[in-house]
Protein backbone atom coordinates (compact mmCIF):
# COMPACT_ATOMS: atom_id res chain seq x y z
CA MET A 1 -0.03 -0.05 -0.01
CA ALA A 2 1.45 3.41 -0.90
CA LEU A 3 0.49 6.50 1.06
CA PHE A 4 0.10 9.95 -0.62
CA GLY A 5 -1.01 13.10 1.00
CA ARG A 6 -0.42 16.52 2.13
CA GLY A 7 -0.42 17.57 5.65
CA LYS A 8 -2.98 15.80 7.74
CA LYS A 9 -4.89 14.43 4.78
CA THR A 10 -3.56 10.99 3.57
CA LEU A 11 -4.72 8.76 0.89
CA ALA A 12 -3.97 5.04 0.94
CA VAL A 13 -3.75 3.47 -2.57
CA GLU A 14 -3.44 -0.30 -2.82
CA ALA A 15 -0.71 -1.11 -5.38
CA GLU A 16 -0.86 -4.02 -7.66
CA PRO A 17 2.06 -6.63 -7.18
CA VAL A 18 4.90 -6.37 -9.44
CA VAL A 19 5.50 -9.74 -11.44
CA VAL A 20 9.14 -10.39 -12.27
CA VAL A 21 9.58 -12.97 -15.09
CA PRO A 22 13.16 -13.58 -15.55
CA THR A 23 14.72 -13.34 -19.14
CA PRO A 24 16.75 -16.30 -20.25
CA GLU A 25 19.91 -14.31 -20.07
CA SER A 26 19.29 -13.51 -16.44
CA TYR A 27 19.99 -17.13 -15.67
CA LEU A 28 23.48 -17.16 -17.06
CA PHE A 29 26.16 -17.71 -14.40
CA THR A 30 29.95 -17.24 -15.17
CA ASP A 31 32.06 -20.23 -14.51
CA GLU A 32 33.48 -18.53 -11.31
CA GLN A 33 29.80 -17.92 -10.10
CA GLU A 34 28.86 -21.49 -10.71
CA GLU A 35 31.92 -22.50 -8.86
CA THR A 36 31.13 -20.20 -6.00
CA LEU A 37 27.50 -21.67 -5.74
CA ASP A 38 28.86 -25.11 -5.80
CA GLU A 39 31.20 -24.40 -2.86
CA MET A 40 28.66 -22.59 -0.60
CA LYS A 41 28.24 -24.17 2.76
CA VAL A 42 24.89 -25.93 2.64
CA ASP A 43 23.13 -26.93 5.93
CA SER A 44 21.53 -30.34 6.61
CA ASN A 45 18.20 -28.87 5.14
CA GLY A 46 19.87 -27.86 1.92
CA MET A 47 19.76 -24.20 2.77
CA VAL A 48 22.61 -21.56 2.39
CA ARG A 49 23.04 -18.15 3.90
CA LEU A 50 21.42 -15.41 1.90
CA GLY A 51 24.36 -13.15 2.93
CA ASP A 52 26.71 -15.55 1.00
CA VAL A 53 24.52 -15.44 -2.05
CA THR A 54 24.24 -11.61 -2.07
CA ARG A 55 27.91 -10.94 -1.35
CA ASN A 56 29.53 -13.64 -3.56
CA LEU A 57 27.09 -13.87 -6.56
CA LEU A 58 25.62 -10.29 -6.71
CA GLY A 59 28.35 -8.17 -5.00
CA GLU A 60 25.61 -6.54 -2.91
CA GLN A 61 24.87 -6.37 0.78
CA VAL A 62 22.19 -8.67 2.32
CA GLN A 63 20.39 -5.76 4.08
CA TYR A 64 19.32 -4.55 0.69
CA ILE A 65 18.58 -7.83 -0.92
CA SER A 66 16.78 -9.28 2.11
CA GLN A 67 13.97 -6.95 1.71
CA HIS A 68 12.91 -8.68 -1.48
CA LEU A 69 12.22 -12.01 0.72
CA SER A 70 11.09 -10.51 4.09
CA GLY A 71 7.63 -9.33 3.02
CA GLN A 72 8.57 -5.63 3.69
CA ALA A 73 5.70 -3.27 2.51
CA GLY A 74 6.47 -1.38 -0.76
CA VAL A 75 9.22 -3.76 -1.89
CA VAL A 76 9.00 -6.16 -4.68
CA GLN A 77 8.77 -9.59 -3.36
CA LEU A 78 10.85 -12.19 -5.24
CA GLY A 79 10.63 -15.38 -3.06
CA ASP A 80 6.89 -16.10 -2.63
CA ASP A 81 7.22 -19.58 -4.23
CA LEU A 82 10.83 -20.22 -3.24
CA ASN A 83 12.23 -22.17 -0.25
CA VAL A 84 13.44 -19.55 1.97
CA ASP A 85 13.79 -19.21 5.85
CA VAL A 86 13.10 -15.51 6.91
CA SER A 87 11.82 -16.36 10.41
CA SER A 88 14.87 -14.82 12.13
CA SER A 89 14.49 -11.08 13.18
CA SER A 90 18.05 -10.69 11.71
CA TYR A 91 18.43 -10.58 7.92
CA HIS A 92 22.04 -12.01 8.69
CA GLU A 93 20.30 -15.31 9.49
CA PHE A 94 18.06 -15.48 6.44
CA ARG A 95 18.53 -18.65 4.41
CA ILE A 96 17.48 -19.90 0.79
CA HIS A 97 17.47 -23.38 -0.41
CA HIS A 98 20.50 -24.00 -2.52
CA ASP A 99 18.31 -25.40 -5.43
CA ASP A 100 16.40 -22.01 -5.54
CA VAL A 101 19.49 -19.54 -5.52
CA GLN A 102 19.68 -19.42 -9.30
CA GLU A 103 16.04 -18.68 -9.74
CA PHE A 104 16.25 -15.83 -7.06
CA VAL A 105 19.36 -14.37 -8.55
CA ALA A 106 17.71 -14.46 -12.01
CA ARG A 107 14.60 -12.58 -10.67
CA LEU A 108 16.79 -10.10 -8.95
CA ARG A 109 18.79 -9.41 -12.18
CA THR A 110 15.51 -8.91 -14.01
CA LEU A 111 14.14 -6.65 -11.46
CA ARG A 112 17.23 -4.58 -11.50
CA LYS A 113 17.08 -4.37 -15.24
CA MET A 114 13.46 -3.25 -15.04
CA GLN A 115 14.52 -0.52 -12.53
CA GLY A 116 17.35 0.61 -14.92
CA ARG A 117 19.87 -0.70 -12.37
CA SER A 118 22.58 -3.40 -12.88
CA SER A 119 23.53 -6.45 -11.10
CA ARG A 120 26.25 -9.02 -11.56
């Protein structure tokens, strides 16, 4: 929901969700990125730390990327159908299933392109 207004009068407007459909090229990983993904520490549930993904594959800080998984209002959500664990109050503890990393990265790359920004 977006809030618009002047002074004491505010109008709440319900925004339509943004759908991000990754393009084929957004799935491309360099050999180095593939190797990095393969070497990530995976826990017994198949999860990896989101911070490792954001830092090593995207070159970005987890606090900015975690917003796309945490359900934060006003931020495009990219992980509704992915296996993620965002139950911790600290984004440093967020995890994503190893098998979903490439899909999440592709969605984020596509979103960045839609916004006119770049990502690794």
